[in-house]
Amino acid sequence: MKTPAKPPAQTPVIGIGALFYSVETQRCLYLLRSQKQKNTWGLVGGKQIQGECIQSTLYREFVEEIGQVPMPSKLIPIETFTSETSKFIYYTYMITVDEEFVPILNDESAGYCWVNVGFWPKPLHNGAKNLLYSKSFRHKLDAIIAHIHSEDYDRENIAFPCIATSA
């Protein structure tokens, strides 16, 4: 008797989000969702299309959700969330911009705000809430912000490489 073949491993759904940080004002950008988890505040980002690298996904989501890819900016990896079943992975990046900008919103968002770090808008999207209230995330965020405002921070070295995922 043959042993039944194992089903092929399911490719995880990859989500990627960006926390925009204005170096000038020291504030972060949030979008007010109008569709999924309506009337909650979240990050810019979305689902990765198979074959896309992280940079391509972020670029596409920036154009879709805020109408632009603000420059100059740095892409700083800050957190990775993997679901208990490993069927969902969410990468969070900080994107530094010199100054705040006005996003051109699509139909996924009903509004935006720039707020001080730690004074998150409410109510938050569930994923954003879990991230922003995580002690490990806050520790990393505080360390990155301190580095950004130190003399060692290289504003000229723009880091926005194409980072491939296993998906």
Foldseek 3Di string as FASTA:
>chain_A
DDDDDDDDDAAAWEKEFEWEAALAVRWTKWFQFCPVVHRAIDTQITTDDPPAFPLRRSQVSQCAAFNDDAPDWAWAWQDWDADPVSNYIYTYTYIYHNHDDHGDGDNRGDDMDIGHQPPDDPDHDVVRVVQSPDPSSVVSVVVVSVCCPDPPDDPPPHHRDGHHDPD
